[in-house]
Amino acid sequence: MENQDIAIVNGKNLPISTKKSVEICNLIRSMSTKKAKAVLNRVILMKEAVPYRRYNDNTSHRPGIGPGKYPIKTSKEILRLVESAEANAQNRGLSTNLVIEHISANKAPLQWHYGRKRRRKQKNTHLKIIVKELKIKKDDRKANTKKEN
């Protein structure tokens, strides 16, 4: 992988669920950043549900997608990271025509949230996003056929 045409963003110890992050990552992987931001904004406004393919026990069906939910807090954090990846790409001199090449959610260390009687563990997640500049390929076949005729 060439480092000239990519931009990387790492989110460490984000206070979001890893399972919800995995489902959103599966949804927006290989999308352009513009389309991914539009999808995440629709999820935040509860206009479009995220399809739950792996962690879908007791999840109700949504129209057209099957089991799904509206993970608003997770969508806000991932949207913030996608915007940061775009800013990193512009800082490196890349165009705004970007595609999400790699996005992954990993479990982060659990933190104790202390209370009066007992304590609870808070969910944390590491996220990594790699965006790549989408290069427009010229169609040489059409040019070659015109020259031959």
Protein backbone atom coordinates (compact mmCIF):
# COMPACT_ATOMS: atom_id res chain seq x y z
CA MET A 1 0.00 0.00 0.00
CA GLU A 2 1.44 3.35 -1.01
CA ASN A 3 1.45 5.96 1.72
CA GLN A 4 1.16 8.90 -0.68
CA ASP A 5 -2.54 8.46 -1.44
CA ILE A 6 -3.97 7.45 1.96
CA ALA A 7 -4.89 9.19 5.20
CA ILE A 8 -5.26 7.44 8.56
CA VAL A 9 -7.32 8.23 11.64
CA ASN A 10 -7.08 6.37 14.96
CA GLY A 11 -9.71 6.74 17.67
CA LYS A 12 -8.52 5.39 21.01
CA ASN A 13 -10.67 4.56 24.04
CA LEU A 14 -13.88 5.94 22.57
CA PRO A 15 -16.84 5.60 24.98
CA ILE A 16 -18.98 3.59 22.54
CA SER A 17 -20.06 -0.02 22.21
CA THR A 18 -17.76 -2.29 20.22
CA LYS A 19 -20.65 -4.41 18.92
CA LYS A 20 -22.54 -1.39 17.57
CA SER A 21 -19.30 -0.07 16.07
CA VAL A 22 -18.72 -3.35 14.22
CA GLU A 23 -22.18 -3.16 12.64
CA ILE A 24 -21.68 0.46 11.51
CA CYS A 25 -18.19 -0.37 10.18
CA ASN A 26 -19.67 -3.20 8.10
CA LEU A 27 -22.26 -0.76 6.73
CA ILE A 28 -19.91 2.03 5.60
CA ARG A 29 -16.85 -0.01 4.55
CA SER A 30 -15.88 0.65 0.88
CA MET A 31 -18.20 3.68 0.65
CA SER A 32 -17.09 7.12 -0.41
CA THR A 33 -16.72 9.52 2.50
CA LYS A 34 -19.53 11.73 1.19
CA LYS A 35 -21.94 8.81 1.02
CA ALA A 36 -20.83 7.50 4.43
CA LYS A 37 -21.42 10.91 6.03
CA ALA A 38 -24.88 11.07 4.46
CA VAL A 39 -25.75 7.59 5.77
CA LEU A 40 -24.48 8.39 9.27
CA ASN A 41 -26.45 11.65 9.35
CA ARG A 42 -29.61 9.74 8.37
CA VAL A 43 -28.95 7.23 11.16
CA ILE A 44 -28.53 10.07 13.68
CA LEU A 45 -31.86 11.57 12.54
CA MET A 46 -33.43 8.07 12.76
CA LYS A 47 -34.37 8.12 9.08
CA GLU A 48 -32.32 5.02 8.18
CA ALA A 49 -31.58 1.99 10.35
CA VAL A 50 -28.26 0.17 10.54
CA PRO A 51 -28.71 -3.49 9.57
CA TYR A 52 -27.52 -5.79 12.36
CA ARG A 53 -26.03 -8.92 10.81
CA ARG A 54 -23.86 -10.33 13.61
CA TYR A 55 -25.16 -9.04 16.96
CA ASN A 56 -28.90 -9.23 16.31
CA ASP A 57 -30.43 -11.25 19.16
CA ASN A 58 -33.87 -9.86 20.08
CA THR A 59 -33.56 -7.10 17.47
CA SER A 60 -36.76 -6.03 15.77
CA HIS A 61 -37.03 -5.87 12.00
CA ARG A 62 -36.92 -2.59 10.10
CA PRO A 63 -38.56 -2.00 6.72
CA GLY A 64 -36.47 -3.42 3.89
CA ILE A 65 -33.37 -4.47 5.85
CA GLY A 66 -34.38 -7.05 8.44
CA PRO A 67 -33.03 -6.70 11.98
CA GLY A 68 -31.70 -3.22 12.61
CA LYS A 69 -31.30 -0.39 15.11
CA TYR A 70 -30.45 3.32 15.31
CA PRO A 71 -27.11 3.59 17.20
CA ILE A 72 -27.03 7.38 17.53
CA LYS A 73 -24.09 7.85 19.93
CA THR A 74 -21.87 5.47 17.97
CA SER A 75 -22.84 7.11 14.68
CA LYS A 76 -21.86 10.54 16.01
CA GLU A 77 -18.40 9.32 17.04
CA ILE A 78 -17.77 7.54 13.73
CA LEU A 79 -19.02 10.59 11.79
CA ARG A 80 -16.54 12.73 13.72
CA LEU A 81 -13.71 10.34 12.79
CA VAL A 82 -14.71 10.26 9.10
CA GLU A 83 -14.64 14.07 9.02
CA SER A 84 -11.23 13.98 10.71
CA ALA A 85 -9.97 11.53 8.07
CA GLU A 86 -11.12 13.94 5.35
CA ALA A 87 -9.27 16.79 7.08
CA ASN A 88 -6.14 14.64 7.34
CA ALA A 89 -6.36 13.85 3.62
CA GLN A 90 -6.68 17.54 2.72
CA ASN A 91 -3.71 18.30 4.96
CA ARG A 92 -1.67 15.73 3.01
CA GLY A 93 -2.67 17.35 -0.28
CA LEU A 94 -5.17 14.72 -1.45
CA SER A 95 -8.39 15.52 -3.25
CA THR A 96 -11.78 15.34 -1.55
CA ASN A 97 -12.76 12.34 -3.68
CA LEU A 98 -12.03 9.69 -1.01
CA VAL A 99 -13.17 6.13 -0.35
CA ILE A 100 -13.06 4.28 2.99
CA GLU A 101 -10.59 1.51 2.27
CA HIS A 102 -10.29 0.11 5.80
CA ILE A 103 -12.39 0.60 8.92
CA SER A 104 -12.21 -1.61 11.98
CA ALA A 105 -13.48 -1.58 15.55
CA ASN A 106 -11.52 -3.31 18.29
CA LYS A 107 -12.22 -3.77 21.97
CA ALA A 108 -10.43 -1.30 24.25
CA PRO A 109 -9.61 -1.79 27.95
CA LEU A 110 -12.63 -1.60 30.24
CA GLN A 111 -12.72 1.17 32.82
CA TRP A 112 -14.41 0.97 36.18
CA HIS A 113 -17.27 3.37 36.80
CA TYR A 114 -17.53 3.64 40.56
CA GLY A 115 -20.90 3.95 42.27
CA ARG A 116 -22.24 3.77 45.81
CA LYS A 117 -22.94 0.07 46.19
CA ARG A 118 -21.13 -1.50 43.29
CA ARG A 119 -19.05 -0.59 40.32
CA ARG A 120 -19.64 -1.17 36.62
CA LYS A 121 -17.39 -1.52 33.64
CA GLN A 122 -17.64 1.10 30.92
CA LYS A 123 -17.46 0.07 27.27
CA ASN A 124 -14.59 1.45 25.24
CA THR A 125 -13.60 0.92 21.62
CA HIS A 126 -10.58 1.56 19.40
CA LEU A 127 -11.43 2.60 15.83
CA LYS A 128 -9.10 2.82 12.84
CA ILE A 129 -10.09 4.37 9.51
CA ILE A 130 -7.96 4.46 6.37
CA VAL A 131 -9.25 6.54 3.46
CA LYS A 132 -7.76 6.36 -0.01
CA GLU A 133 -7.88 8.84 -2.83
CA LEU A 134 -10.13 7.56 -5.59
CA LYS A 135 -8.37 7.95 -8.91
CA ILE A 136 -10.49 8.36 -11.99
CA LYS A 137 -9.53 5.89 -14.70
CA LYS A 138 -9.77 7.03 -18.29
CA ASP A 139 -11.51 4.67 -20.67
CA ASP A 140 -8.80 3.90 -23.23
CA ARG A 141 -10.89 1.32 -25.09
CA LYS A 142 -13.22 3.92 -26.56
CA ALA A 143 -10.30 6.07 -27.68
CA ASN A 144 -8.60 3.09 -29.37
CA THR A 145 -11.72 2.04 -31.29
CA LYS A 146 -12.25 5.55 -32.60
CA LYS A 147 -8.66 5.71 -33.89
CA GLU A 148 -9.00 2.38 -35.69
CA ASN A 149 -12.15 3.42 -37.56
